Amino acid sequence: MPSPPASDVETSTRARGAGAKLVAVVLGMAALVTVMLCAFALPGVHGGPHDVPIGVAGPGQVTRAAEQKLAGDAWDVTVYDSPEALESAVRDREIAGGLAASSGGMDVYTATAGGPMAAGALTTVGDGLAARQEAQATVHDLVPFPEDDPRGAGFSSAALPMIFGGVFPAVLLGRLFRGRKGLGLRSAGALLFSLVAGAVVAAVLQYGTGSLDGGYWLTALGLSLGMAALSTTFVGLEALFGFVGLGLGAAVMMFLGNPLSGLATGPYWLPAGWAALGQALPPGASGSLLRTNAFFDGAGAGAPALVLAGWVVLGVVLVLVARGRDRRGADALPTAG
């Protein structure tokens, strides 16, 4: 029996390869959609206080009763010697809030700007404990949102501008400055854009909508660092893997990093594993750095700043790897005689 022509064999091989590639792409997109659904749905379904650090102060019998009441996975309780020490710990962002009992009732110390959901839950707990003593609970919001934006709507809306501020320069600069020679310009442009965009976003949120307190330049530098972490990473992904790498990176940050950032609720409202993942990604770390710079005078800024610096370093490494690969490829090309 005669064998099929070589052209038919080649066409059949290409068709099988294209089919396998299509199946792989479809399965990959389905997996990505599943992860996105989990990122949006599961934290919302299982949202609630998870290991929220709080303090208690007062007579020994009352503090022991409060510790027993708050035992479990929701609260991480620390006993303080006095209400003044507890209040100082809240302002320094060592704890999210606290309860101070006295003969006259129950004082509830909260920091709404540090996490409105946790502050509301702690207020409910304080009301319950005060009711058991037939007393009245008095709420002291030590770190509220500004008067111009008491619900923190402007602060909560900062996540998407920060993410887009990382995506846009990578896309635009990648189209304008192509190839290995343009890689340095893309990286420098991304960093310069981050500085400018951070200053603009901080100005709008602080002076335009009145959503932020604190020093303007500290807040602006924190926002710039967050955008630099995203933009340099996206530039590196695009340089190394092309548009596919940039698209996947943007999808992860937008559909995974955004819902897990805890910007609207505070990180303590997410389940422990989801919260840790969110704070390890640039949107979550940027939100935490913005929160601490805008409302807590930079207290606790070290950890999120270190995470963002690590992402900047990762972006630079990706750019260097792509540049080295392109250089080796250029050296391997035959030269004219």
C-alpha atoms as a PDB file:
ATOM      1  CA  MET A   1       0.000   0.000   0.000  1.00  0.00           C
ATOM      2  CA  PRO A   2       1.599   3.358  -1.014  1.00  0.00           C
ATOM      3  CA  SER A   3       2.622   5.708   1.795  1.00  0.00           C
ATOM      4  CA  PRO A   4       0.955   9.141   2.012  1.00  0.00           C
ATOM      5  CA  PRO A   5       2.792  12.072   0.468  1.00  0.00           C
ATOM      6  CA  ALA A   6       5.227  13.925   2.704  1.00  0.00           C
ATOM      7  CA  SER A   7       3.120  17.078   2.465  1.00  0.00           C
ATOM      8  CA  ASP A   8       0.085  15.259   3.904  1.00  0.00           C
ATOM      9  CA  VAL A   9       2.159  13.892   6.780  1.00  0.00           C
ATOM     10  CA  GLU A  10       3.499  17.353   7.552  1.00  0.00           C
ATOM     11  CA  THR A  11      -0.011  18.846   7.443  1.00  0.00           C
ATOM     12  CA  SER A  12      -1.328  16.155   9.780  1.00  0.00           C
ATOM     13  CA  THR A  13       1.536  16.733  12.230  1.00  0.00           C
ATOM     14  CA  ARG A  14       0.907  20.470  12.239  1.00  0.00           C
ATOM     15  CA  ALA A  15      -2.799  19.914  12.820  1.00  0.00           C
ATOM     16  CA  ARG A  16      -2.120  17.670  15.812  1.00  0.00           C
ATOM     17  CA  GLY A  17       0.334  20.198  17.209  1.00  0.00           C
ATOM     18  CA  ALA A  18      -2.163  23.026  16.792  1.00  0.00           C
ATOM     19  CA  GLY A  19      -4.881  20.940  18.444  1.00  0.00           C
ATOM     20  CA  ALA A  20      -2.652  20.144  21.424  1.00  0.00           C
ATOM     21  CA  LYS A  21      -1.725  23.819  21.728  1.00  0.00           C
ATOM     22  CA  LEU A  22      -5.395  24.814  21.641  1.00  0.00           C
ATOM     23  CA  VAL A  23      -6.268  22.296  24.362  1.00  0.00           C
ATOM     24  CA  ALA A  24      -3.400  23.545  26.539  1.00  0.00           C
ATOM     25  CA  VAL A  25      -4.466  27.172  26.105  1.00  0.00           C
ATOM     26  CA  VAL A  26      -8.113  26.384  26.906  1.00  0.00           C
ATOM     27  CA  LEU A  27      -7.168  24.390  30.014  1.00  0.00           C
ATOM     28  CA  GLY A  28      -4.828  27.170  31.140  1.00  0.00           C
ATOM     29  CA  MET A  29      -7.525  29.825  30.744  1.00  0.00           C
ATOM     30  CA  ALA A  30     -10.034  27.641  32.588  1.00  0.00           C
ATOM     31  CA  ALA A  31      -7.579  27.199  35.458  1.00  0.00           C
ATOM     32  CA  LEU A  32      -6.972  30.955  35.558  1.00  0.00           C
ATOM     33  CA  VAL A  33     -10.708  31.688  35.658  1.00  0.00           C
ATOM     34  CA  THR A  34     -11.110  29.161  38.485  1.00  0.00           C
ATOM     35  CA  VAL A  35      -8.356  30.807  40.508  1.00  0.00           C
ATOM     36  CA  MET A  36      -9.921  34.235  39.909  1.00  0.00           C
ATOM     37  CA  LEU A  37     -13.328  32.974  41.042  1.00  0.00           C
ATOM     38  CA  CYS A  38     -11.799  31.551  44.212  1.00  0.00           C
ATOM     39  CA  ALA A  39      -9.936  34.794  44.851  1.00  0.00           C
ATOM     40  CA  PHE A  40     -13.131  36.835  44.640  1.00  0.00           C
ATOM     41  CA  ALA A  41     -15.665  34.422  46.136  1.00  0.00           C
ATOM     42  CA  LEU A  42     -13.953  32.482  48.912  1.00  0.00           C
ATOM     43  CA  PRO A  43     -12.602  35.456  50.903  1.00  0.00           C
ATOM     44  CA  GLY A  44     -16.056  37.046  50.741  1.00  0.00           C
ATOM     45  CA  VAL A  45     -17.839  33.881  51.841  1.00  0.00           C
ATOM     46  CA  HIS A  46     -15.364  33.195  54.638  1.00  0.00           C
ATOM     47  CA  GLY A  47     -14.714  36.830  55.485  1.00  0.00           C
ATOM     48  CA  GLY A  48     -14.607  37.801  59.136  1.00  0.00           C
ATOM     49  CA  PRO A  49     -12.088  38.558  61.867  1.00  0.00           C
ATOM     50  CA  HIS A  50      -9.125  36.188  61.681  1.00  0.00           C
ATOM     51  CA  ASP A  51      -6.403  36.508  64.344  1.00  0.00           C
ATOM     52  CA  VAL A  52      -7.034  40.240  64.724  1.00  0.00           C
ATOM     53  CA  PRO A  53      -4.445  41.569  67.217  1.00  0.00           C
ATOM     54  CA  ILE A  54      -6.231  43.428  70.005  1.00  0.00           C
ATOM     55  CA  GLY A  55      -5.453  44.410  73.588  1.00  0.00           C
ATOM     56  CA  VAL A  56      -7.331  44.328  76.879  1.00  0.00           C
ATOM     57  CA  ALA A  57      -6.672  46.310  80.035  1.00  0.00           C
ATOM     58  CA  GLY A  58      -8.327  46.637  83.418  1.00  0.00           C
ATOM     59  CA  PRO A  59      -8.804  44.658  86.627  1.00  0.00           C
ATOM     60  CA  GLY A  60      -7.513  41.099  86.485  1.00  0.00           C
ATOM     61  CA  GLN A  61     -10.901  39.475  86.845  1.00  0.00           C
ATOM     62  CA  VAL A  62     -12.353  41.537  83.999  1.00  0.00           C
ATOM     63  CA  THR A  63      -9.404  40.975  81.658  1.00  0.00           C
ATOM     64  CA  ARG A  64      -9.541  37.219  82.270  1.00  0.00           C
ATOM     65  CA  ALA A  65     -13.226  37.220  81.460  1.00  0.00           C
ATOM     66  CA  ALA A  66     -12.519  39.189  78.279  1.00  0.00           C
ATOM     67  CA  GLU A  67      -9.779  36.749  77.266  1.00  0.00           C
ATOM     68  CA  GLN A  68     -12.157  33.832  77.720  1.00  0.00           C
ATOM     69  CA  LYS A  69     -14.851  35.616  75.732  1.00  0.00           C
ATOM     70  CA  LEU A  70     -12.434  36.374  72.908  1.00  0.00           C
ATOM     71  CA  ALA A  71     -10.737  32.961  72.833  1.00  0.00           C
ATOM     72  CA  GLY A  72     -10.693  31.383  69.387  1.00  0.00           C
ATOM     73  CA  ASP A  73      -9.413  32.092  65.896  1.00  0.00           C
ATOM     74  CA  ALA A  74     -11.008  35.506  65.541  1.00  0.00           C
ATOM     75  CA  TRP A  75      -8.919  37.504  68.022  1.00  0.00           C
ATOM     76  CA  ASP A  76      -5.287  37.498  69.166  1.00  0.00           C
ATOM     77  CA  VAL A  77      -5.436  39.037  72.643  1.00  0.00           C
ATOM     78  CA  THR A  78      -2.623  40.824  74.500  1.00  0.00           C
ATOM     79  CA  VAL A  79      -3.026  42.122  78.059  1.00  0.00           C
ATOM     80  CA  TYR A  80      -1.779  45.665  78.745  1.00  0.00           C
ATOM     81  CA  ASP A  81      -1.017  47.260  82.097  1.00  0.00           C
ATOM     82  CA  SER A  82      -3.108  50.358  81.535  1.00  0.00           C
ATOM     83  CA  PRO A  83      -5.557  51.929  79.082  1.00  0.00           C
ATOM     84  CA  GLU A  84      -2.854  54.435  78.167  1.00  0.00           C
ATOM     85  CA  ALA A  85      -0.483  51.648  77.069  1.00  0.00           C
ATOM     86  CA  LEU A  86      -3.284  50.049  75.088  1.00  0.00           C
ATOM     87  CA  GLU A  87      -4.112  53.335  73.383  1.00  0.00           C
ATOM     88  CA  SER A  88      -0.465  53.883  72.473  1.00  0.00           C
ATOM     89  CA  ALA A  89      -0.266  50.400  70.945  1.00  0.00           C
ATOM     90  CA  VAL A  90      -3.282  51.160  68.747  1.00  0.00           C
ATOM     91  CA  ARG A  91      -1.784  54.425  67.508  1.00  0.00           C
ATOM     92  CA  ASP A  92       1.537  52.672  66.767  1.00  0.00           C
ATOM     93  CA  ARG A  93      -0.364  49.982  64.828  1.00  0.00           C
ATOM     94  CA  GLU A  94       0.883  47.211  67.088  1.00  0.00           C
ATOM     95  CA  ILE A  95      -2.738  46.138  67.580  1.00  0.00           C
ATOM     96  CA  ALA A  96      -5.954  46.849  65.684  1.00  0.00           C
ATOM     97  CA  GLY A  97      -7.913  47.969  68.748  1.00  0.00           C
ATOM     98  CA  GLY A  98      -8.644  47.099  72.342  1.00  0.00           C
ATOM     99  CA  LEU A  99     -10.952  46.978  75.345  1.00  0.00           C
ATOM    100  CA  ALA A 100     -10.324  48.715  78.651  1.00  0.00           C
ATOM    101  CA  ALA A 101     -12.641  47.816  81.521  1.00  0.00           C
ATOM    102  CA  SER A 102     -13.259  49.940  84.577  1.00  0.00           C
ATOM    103  CA  SER A 103     -15.822  50.245  87.321  1.00  0.00           C
ATOM    104  CA  GLY A 104     -17.676  52.805  85.243  1.00  0.00           C
ATOM    105  CA  GLY A 105     -18.074  50.678  82.124  1.00  0.00           C
ATOM    106  CA  MET A 106     -16.134  49.557  79.060  1.00  0.00           C
ATOM    107  CA  ASP A 107     -13.929  51.703  76.816  1.00  0.00           C
ATOM    108  CA  VAL A 108     -13.545  50.385  73.266  1.00  0.00           C
ATOM    109  CA  TYR A 109     -10.497  51.664  71.358  1.00  0.00           C
ATOM    110  CA  THR A 110     -10.648  51.291  67.579  1.00  0.00           C
ATOM    111  CA  ALA A 111      -8.755  52.471  64.487  1.00  0.00           C
ATOM    112  CA  THR A 112     -11.278  52.611  61.671  1.00  0.00           C
ATOM    113  CA  ALA A 113      -8.666  53.712  59.141  1.00  0.00           C
ATOM    114  CA  GLY A 114      -6.659  50.599  59.962  1.00  0.00           C
ATOM    115  CA  GLY A 115      -9.557  48.273  59.145  1.00  0.00           C
ATOM    116  CA  PRO A 116     -13.201  49.347  59.316  1.00  0.00           C
ATOM    117  CA  MET A 117     -14.603  45.810  59.440  1.00  0.00           C
ATOM    118  CA  ALA A 118     -12.432  44.778  62.379  1.00  0.00           C
ATOM    119  CA  ALA A 119     -13.266  48.042  64.160  1.00  0.00           C
ATOM    120  CA  GLY A 120     -16.980  47.366  63.779  1.00  0.00           C
ATOM    121  CA  ALA A 121     -16.653  43.785  65.008  1.00  0.00           C
ATOM    122  CA  LEU A 122     -14.634  44.888  68.041  1.00  0.00           C
ATOM    123  CA  THR A 123     -17.262  47.515  68.865  1.00  0.00           C
ATOM    124  CA  THR A 124     -19.931  44.811  68.849  1.00  0.00           C
ATOM    125  CA  VAL A 125     -17.839  42.668  71.200  1.00  0.00           C
ATOM    126  CA  GLY A 126     -17.332  45.626  73.533  1.00  0.00           C
ATOM    127  CA  ASP A 127     -21.055  46.326  73.643  1.00  0.00           C
ATOM    128  CA  GLY A 128     -21.703  42.685  74.544  1.00  0.00           C
ATOM    129  CA  LEU A 129     -19.149  42.638  77.349  1.00  0.00           C
ATOM    130  CA  ALA A 130     -20.444  45.924  78.737  1.00  0.00           C
ATOM    131  CA  ALA A 131     -24.003  44.588  78.687  1.00  0.00           C
ATOM    132  CA  ARG A 132     -22.927  41.575  80.753  1.00  0.00           C
ATOM    133  CA  GLN A 133     -21.645  44.018  83.412  1.00  0.00           C
ATOM    134  CA  GLU A 134     -24.798  46.087  83.103  1.00  0.00           C
ATOM    135  CA  ALA A 135     -22.639  48.999  82.003  1.00  0.00           C
ATOM    136  CA  GLN A 136     -22.252  51.207  78.948  1.00  0.00           C
ATOM    137  CA  ALA A 137     -19.549  50.883  76.296  1.00  0.00           C
ATOM    138  CA  THR A 138     -17.818  54.053  75.111  1.00  0.00           C
ATOM    139  CA  VAL A 139     -16.123  53.902  71.695  1.00  0.00           C
ATOM    140  CA  HIS A 140     -12.932  55.882  71.045  1.00  0.00           C
ATOM    141  CA  ASP A 141     -11.972  55.909  67.368  1.00  0.00           C
ATOM    142  CA  LEU A 142      -8.308  56.785  67.706  1.00  0.00           C
ATOM    143  CA  VAL A 143      -7.453  56.699  63.984  1.00  0.00           C
ATOM    144  CA  PRO A 144     -10.573  57.551  61.944  1.00  0.00           C
ATOM    145  CA  PHE A 145     -10.822  58.313  58.263  1.00  0.00           C
ATOM    146  CA  PRO A 146     -10.702  62.051  57.419  1.00  0.00           C
ATOM    147  CA  GLU A 147     -13.851  64.113  57.870  1.00  0.00           C
ATOM    148  CA  ASP A 148     -14.098  64.726  54.110  1.00  0.00           C
ATOM    149  CA  ASP A 149     -14.269  60.977  53.471  1.00  0.00           C
ATOM    150  CA  PRO A 150     -15.459  59.345  56.712  1.00  0.00           C
ATOM    151  CA  ARG A 151     -16.185  55.958  55.093  1.00  0.00           C
ATOM    152  CA  GLY A 152     -12.811  55.713  53.339  1.00  0.00           C
ATOM    153  CA  ALA A 153     -14.341  55.430  49.861  1.00  0.00           C
ATOM    154  CA  GLY A 154     -11.472  57.238  48.162  1.00  0.00           C
ATOM    155  CA  PHE A 155      -8.879  55.175  49.991  1.00  0.00           C
ATOM    156  CA  SER A 156     -10.608  51.924  49.010  1.00  0.00           C
ATOM    157  CA  SER A 157     -10.706  52.971  45.353  1.00  0.00           C
ATOM    158  CA  ALA A 158      -6.919  53.374  45.116  1.00  0.00           C
ATOM    159  CA  ALA A 159      -6.222  49.718  44.250  1.00  0.00           C
ATOM    160  CA  LEU A 160      -7.170  49.782  40.566  1.00  0.00           C
ATOM    161  CA  PRO A 161      -5.318  53.054  39.769  1.00  0.00           C
ATOM    162  CA  MET A 162      -2.193  51.549  41.316  1.00  0.00           C
ATOM    163  CA  ILE A 163      -2.539  48.375  39.227  1.00  0.00           C
ATOM    164  CA  PHE A 164      -3.262  50.258  35.998  1.00  0.00           C
ATOM    165  CA  GLY A 165      -0.377  52.556  36.842  1.00  0.00           C
ATOM    166  CA  GLY A 166       1.850  49.496  36.578  1.00  0.00           C
ATOM    167  CA  VAL A 167       0.266  48.011  33.445  1.00  0.00           C
ATOM    168  CA  PHE A 168       0.016  51.102  31.235  1.00  0.00           C
ATOM    169  CA  PRO A 169       3.703  52.108  31.175  1.00  0.00           C
ATOM    170  CA  ALA A 170       4.758  48.530  30.414  1.00  0.00           C
ATOM    171  CA  VAL A 171       2.347  48.325  27.463  1.00  0.00           C
ATOM    172  CA  LEU A 172       2.977  51.799  26.078  1.00  0.00           C
ATOM    173  CA  LEU A 173       6.750  51.821  26.516  1.00  0.00           C
ATOM    174  CA  GLY A 174       6.965  48.331  25.067  1.00  0.00           C
ATOM    175  CA  ARG A 175       5.312  49.582  21.862  1.00  0.00           C
ATOM    176  CA  LEU A 176       7.436  52.740  21.633  1.00  0.00           C
ATOM    177  CA  PHE A 177      10.877  51.340  22.507  1.00  0.00           C
ATOM    178  CA  ARG A 178      11.234  47.884  21.034  1.00  0.00           C
ATOM    179  CA  GLY A 179      14.044  45.371  21.091  1.00  0.00           C
ATOM    180  CA  ARG A 180      17.095  44.976  23.264  1.00  0.00           C
ATOM    181  CA  LYS A 181      18.268  48.546  22.735  1.00  0.00           C
ATOM    182  CA  GLY A 182      14.968  49.910  23.972  1.00  0.00           C
ATOM    183  CA  LEU A 183      14.911  47.765  27.102  1.00  0.00           C
ATOM    184  CA  GLY A 184      16.875  50.256  29.170  1.00  0.00           C
ATOM    185  CA  LEU A 185      14.582  53.082  28.085  1.00  0.00           C
ATOM    186  CA  ARG A 186      11.527  51.015  28.999  1.00  0.00           C
ATOM    187  CA  SER A 187      12.888  50.342  32.488  1.00  0.00           C
ATOM    188  CA  ALA A 188      13.886  53.955  33.079  1.00  0.00           C
ATOM    189  CA  GLY A 189      10.557  55.167  31.739  1.00  0.00           C
ATOM    190  CA  ALA A 190       8.632  52.825  34.043  1.00  0.00           C
ATOM    191  CA  LEU A 191      10.494  54.124  37.099  1.00  0.00           C
ATOM    192  CA  LEU A 192      10.074  57.756  36.061  1.00  0.00           C
ATOM    193  CA  PHE A 193       6.371  57.236  35.389  1.00  0.00           C
ATOM    194  CA  SER A 194       5.969  55.619  38.820  1.00  0.00           C
ATOM    195  CA  LEU A 195       7.423  58.690  40.525  1.00  0.00           C
ATOM    196  CA  VAL A 196       5.157  61.069  38.623  1.00  0.00           C
ATOM    197  CA  ALA A 197       2.021  58.927  38.928  1.00  0.00           C
ATOM    198  CA  GLY A 198       2.581  58.353  42.655  1.00  0.00           C
ATOM    199  CA  ALA A 199       2.782  62.102  43.239  1.00  0.00           C
ATOM    200  CA  VAL A 200      -0.364  62.736  41.163  1.00  0.00           C
ATOM    201  CA  VAL A 201      -2.465  60.005  42.804  1.00  0.00           C
ATOM    202  CA  ALA A 202      -1.395  61.135  46.274  1.00  0.00           C
ATOM    203  CA  ALA A 203      -2.315  64.736  45.431  1.00  0.00           C
ATOM    204  CA  VAL A 204      -5.755  63.748  44.153  1.00  0.00           C
ATOM    205  CA  LEU A 205      -6.543  61.556  47.165  1.00  0.00           C
ATOM    206  CA  GLN A 206      -5.185  63.984  49.744  1.00  0.00           C
ATOM    207  CA  TYR A 207      -6.105  67.395  48.355  1.00  0.00           C
ATOM    208  CA  GLY A 208      -8.799  66.568  45.818  1.00  0.00           C
ATOM    209  CA  THR A 209     -11.046  64.121  47.676  1.00  0.00           C
ATOM    210  CA  GLY A 210      -9.681  64.596  51.200  1.00  0.00           C
ATOM    211  CA  SER A 211      -9.343  60.818  51.624  1.00  0.00           C
ATOM    212  CA  LEU A 212      -5.857  60.787  53.139  1.00  0.00           C
ATOM    213  CA  ASP A 213      -4.112  62.329  56.130  1.00  0.00           C
ATOM    214  CA  GLY A 214      -0.432  62.371  56.938  1.00  0.00           C
ATOM    215  CA  GLY A 215       2.591  63.792  55.147  1.00  0.00           C
ATOM    216  CA  TYR A 216       2.055  64.196  51.421  1.00  0.00           C
ATOM    217  CA  TRP A 217       5.560  63.326  50.265  1.00  0.00           C
ATOM    218  CA  LEU A 218       5.773  60.192  52.405  1.00  0.00           C
ATOM    219  CA  THR A 219       2.464  59.016  50.976  1.00  0.00           C
ATOM    220  CA  ALA A 220       3.523  59.896  47.433  1.00  0.00           C
ATOM    221  CA  LEU A 221       6.801  57.986  47.739  1.00  0.00           C
ATOM    222  CA  GLY A 222       4.945  54.952  49.064  1.00  0.00           C
ATOM    223  CA  LEU A 223       2.538  55.037  46.124  1.00  0.00           C
ATOM    224  CA  SER A 224       5.455  55.448  43.725  1.00  0.00           C
ATOM    225  CA  LEU A 225       7.178  52.407  45.202  1.00  0.00           C
ATOM    226  CA  GLY A 226       4.006  50.362  44.750  1.00  0.00           C
ATOM    227  CA  MET A 227       3.642  51.406  41.113  1.00  0.00           C
ATOM    228  CA  ALA A 228       7.347  50.779  40.482  1.00  0.00           C
ATOM    229  CA  ALA A 229       6.974  47.255  41.877  1.00  0.00           C
ATOM    230  CA  LEU A 230       4.232  46.573  39.326  1.00  0.00           C
ATOM    231  CA  SER A 231       5.629  48.444  36.324  1.00  0.00           C
ATOM    232  CA  THR A 232       9.161  47.029  36.530  1.00  0.00           C
ATOM    233  CA  THR A 233       7.775  43.517  36.959  1.00  0.00           C
ATOM    234  CA  PHE A 234       5.486  43.961  33.949  1.00  0.00           C
ATOM    235  CA  VAL A 235       8.328  45.376  31.845  1.00  0.00           C
ATOM    236  CA  GLY A 236      10.464  42.368  32.763  1.00  0.00           C
ATOM    237  CA  LEU A 237       7.681  39.895  31.992  1.00  0.00           C
ATOM    238  CA  GLU A 238       7.010  41.521  28.632  1.00  0.00           C
ATOM    239  CA  ALA A 239      10.710  41.568  27.753  1.00  0.00           C
ATOM    240  CA  LEU A 240      11.224  37.928  28.691  1.00  0.00           C
ATOM    241  CA  PHE A 241       7.955  36.290  27.648  1.00  0.00           C
ATOM    242  CA  GLY A 242       6.329  38.800  25.321  1.00  0.00           C
ATOM    243  CA  PHE A 243       2.708  39.870  25.421  1.00  0.00           C
ATOM    244  CA  VAL A 244       1.676  36.536  26.988  1.00  0.00           C
ATOM    245  CA  GLY A 245       3.856  37.177  30.041  1.00  0.00           C
ATOM    246  CA  LEU A 246       2.551  40.719  30.380  1.00  0.00           C
ATOM    247  CA  GLY A 247      -1.066  39.571  30.035  1.00  0.00           C
ATOM    248  CA  LEU A 248      -0.747  36.804  32.600  1.00  0.00           C
ATOM    249  CA  GLY A 249       1.033  39.110  35.041  1.00  0.00           C
ATOM    250  CA  ALA A 250      -1.657  41.772  34.673  1.00  0.00           C
ATOM    251  CA  ALA A 251      -4.420  39.177  35.127  1.00  0.00           C
ATOM    252  CA  VAL A 252      -2.834  37.844  38.324  1.00  0.00           C
ATOM    253  CA  MET A 253      -2.404  41.304  39.819  1.00  0.00           C
ATOM    254  CA  MET A 254      -5.858  42.517  38.830  1.00  0.00           C
ATOM    255  CA  PHE A 255      -7.976  39.446  39.519  1.00  0.00           C
ATOM    256  CA  LEU A 256      -5.950  37.896  42.355  1.00  0.00           C
ATOM    257  CA  GLY A 257      -3.978  40.708  43.944  1.00  0.00           C
ATOM    258  CA  ASN A 258      -6.860  43.210  43.906  1.00  0.00           C
ATOM    259  CA  PRO A 259      -9.493  41.180  45.824  1.00  0.00           C
ATOM    260  CA  LEU A 260      -6.858  39.885  48.249  1.00  0.00           C
ATOM    261  CA  SER A 261      -5.326  43.287  48.939  1.00  0.00           C
ATOM    262  CA  GLY A 262      -7.639  43.960  51.899  1.00  0.00           C
ATOM    263  CA  LEU A 263      -7.697  47.619  50.972  1.00  0.00           C
ATOM    264  CA  ALA A 264     -11.378  48.090  51.762  1.00  0.00           C
ATOM    265  CA  THR A 265     -11.670  45.762  54.736  1.00  0.00           C
ATOM    266  CA  GLY A 266      -8.183  45.524  56.185  1.00  0.00           C
ATOM    267  CA  PRO A 267      -6.094  42.343  55.900  1.00  0.00           C
ATOM    268  CA  TYR A 268      -7.461  40.832  59.121  1.00  0.00           C
ATOM    269  CA  TRP A 269     -10.855  40.289  57.525  1.00  0.00           C
ATOM    270  CA  LEU A 270      -9.492  37.688  55.090  1.00  0.00           C
ATOM    271  CA  PRO A 271      -8.723  34.056  55.972  1.00  0.00           C
ATOM    272  CA  ALA A 272      -5.118  33.641  57.109  1.00  0.00           C
ATOM    273  CA  GLY A 273      -3.765  32.001  53.950  1.00  0.00           C
ATOM    274  CA  TRP A 274      -5.519  34.408  51.600  1.00  0.00           C
ATOM    275  CA  ALA A 275      -4.413  37.392  53.673  1.00  0.00           C
ATOM    276  CA  ALA A 276      -0.771  36.280  53.604  1.00  0.00           C
ATOM    277  CA  LEU A 277      -0.903  35.791  49.819  1.00  0.00           C
ATOM    278  CA  GLY A 278      -2.537  39.168  49.338  1.00  0.00           C
ATOM    279  CA  GLN A 279       0.107  40.955  51.386  1.00  0.00           C
ATOM    280  CA  ALA A 280       2.870  39.221  49.413  1.00  0.00           C
ATOM    281  CA  LEU A 281       1.553  40.647  46.131  1.00  0.00           C
ATOM    282  CA  PRO A 282       2.158  44.294  45.140  1.00  0.00           C
ATOM    283  CA  PRO A 283      -1.491  45.468  45.423  1.00  0.00           C
ATOM    284  CA  GLY A 284      -1.786  44.234  49.022  1.00  0.00           C
ATOM    285  CA  ALA A 285       1.637  45.516  50.047  1.00  0.00           C
ATOM    286  CA  SER A 286       0.928  48.863  48.339  1.00  0.00           C
ATOM    287  CA  GLY A 287      -2.382  49.164  50.172  1.00  0.00           C
ATOM    288  CA  SER A 288      -0.758  48.427  53.537  1.00  0.00           C
ATOM    289  CA  LEU A 289       2.022  50.930  52.881  1.00  0.00           C
ATOM    290  CA  LEU A 290      -0.515  53.559  51.833  1.00  0.00           C
ATOM    291  CA  ARG A 291      -2.593  52.893  54.946  1.00  0.00           C
ATOM    292  CA  THR A 292       0.315  53.173  57.355  1.00  0.00           C
ATOM    293  CA  ASN A 293       1.809  56.265  55.679  1.00  0.00           C
ATOM    294  CA  ALA A 294      -1.503  58.095  55.364  1.00  0.00           C
ATOM    295  CA  PHE A 295      -2.954  57.383  58.808  1.00  0.00           C
ATOM    296  CA  PHE A 296      -0.273  55.999  61.161  1.00  0.00           C
ATOM    297  CA  ASP A 297       2.722  58.246  60.418  1.00  0.00           C
ATOM    298  CA  GLY A 298       4.606  55.347  58.818  1.00  0.00           C
ATOM    299  CA  ALA A 299       4.350  52.979  61.789  1.00  0.00           C
ATOM    300  CA  GLY A 300       4.754  49.427  60.505  1.00  0.00           C
ATOM    301  CA  ALA A 301       5.825  50.484  57.012  1.00  0.00           C
ATOM    302  CA  GLY A 302       8.936  48.290  56.950  1.00  0.00           C
ATOM    303  CA  ALA A 303       7.314  44.986  55.968  1.00  0.00           C
ATOM    304  CA  PRO A 304       5.215  46.199  52.995  1.00  0.00           C
ATOM    305  CA  ALA A 305       8.053  48.419  51.767  1.00  0.00           C
ATOM    306  CA  LEU A 306      10.393  45.417  51.808  1.00  0.00           C
ATOM    307  CA  VAL A 307       7.888  43.336  49.833  1.00  0.00           C
ATOM    308  CA  LEU A 308       7.559  46.044  47.189  1.00  0.00           C
ATOM    309  CA  ALA A 309      11.322  46.492  46.971  1.00  0.00           C
ATOM    310  CA  GLY A 310      11.609  42.755  46.377  1.00  0.00           C
ATOM    311  CA  TRP A 311       9.209  43.010  43.429  1.00  0.00           C
ATOM    312  CA  VAL A 312      11.242  45.892  41.987  1.00  0.00           C
ATOM    313  CA  VAL A 313      14.366  43.735  42.230  1.00  0.00           C
ATOM    314  CA  LEU A 314      12.504  40.868  40.552  1.00  0.00           C
ATOM    315  CA  GLY A 315      11.523  43.146  37.680  1.00  0.00           C
ATOM    316  CA  VAL A 316      15.119  44.313  37.232  1.00  0.00           C
ATOM    317  CA  VAL A 317      16.357  40.698  37.247  1.00  0.00           C
ATOM    318  CA  LEU A 318      13.797  39.745  34.575  1.00  0.00           C
ATOM    319  CA  VAL A 319      14.958  42.674  32.423  1.00  0.00           C
ATOM    320  CA  LEU A 320      18.611  41.667  32.817  1.00  0.00           C
ATOM    321  CA  VAL A 321      17.850  38.051  31.922  1.00  0.00           C
ATOM    322  CA  ALA A 322      15.932  39.154  28.820  1.00  0.00           C
ATOM    323  CA  ARG A 323      18.744  41.491  27.826  1.00  0.00           C
ATOM    324  CA  GLY A 324      21.346  38.756  28.245  1.00  0.00           C
ATOM    325  CA  ARG A 325      19.267  36.340  26.198  1.00  0.00           C
ATOM    326  CA  ASP A 326      18.833  38.838  23.389  1.00  0.00           C
ATOM    327  CA  ARG A 327      22.562  39.609  23.403  1.00  0.00           C
ATOM    328  CA  ARG A 328      23.451  35.932  23.096  1.00  0.00           C
ATOM    329  CA  GLY A 329      20.956  35.592  20.267  1.00  0.00           C
ATOM    330  CA  ALA A 330      22.488  38.572  18.452  1.00  0.00           C
ATOM    331  CA  ASP A 331      26.014  37.203  18.877  1.00  0.00           C
ATOM    332  CA  ALA A 332      24.930  33.866  17.413  1.00  0.00           C
ATOM    333  CA  LEU A 333      23.733  35.446  14.143  1.00  0.00           C
ATOM    334  CA  PRO A 334      26.125  34.976  11.171  1.00  0.00           C
ATOM    335  CA  THR A 335      27.979  38.115  10.182  1.00  0.00           C
ATOM    336  CA  ALA A 336      28.565  39.299   6.663  1.00  0.00           C
ATOM    337  CA  GLY A 337      31.889  38.320   5.076  1.00  0.00           C
END
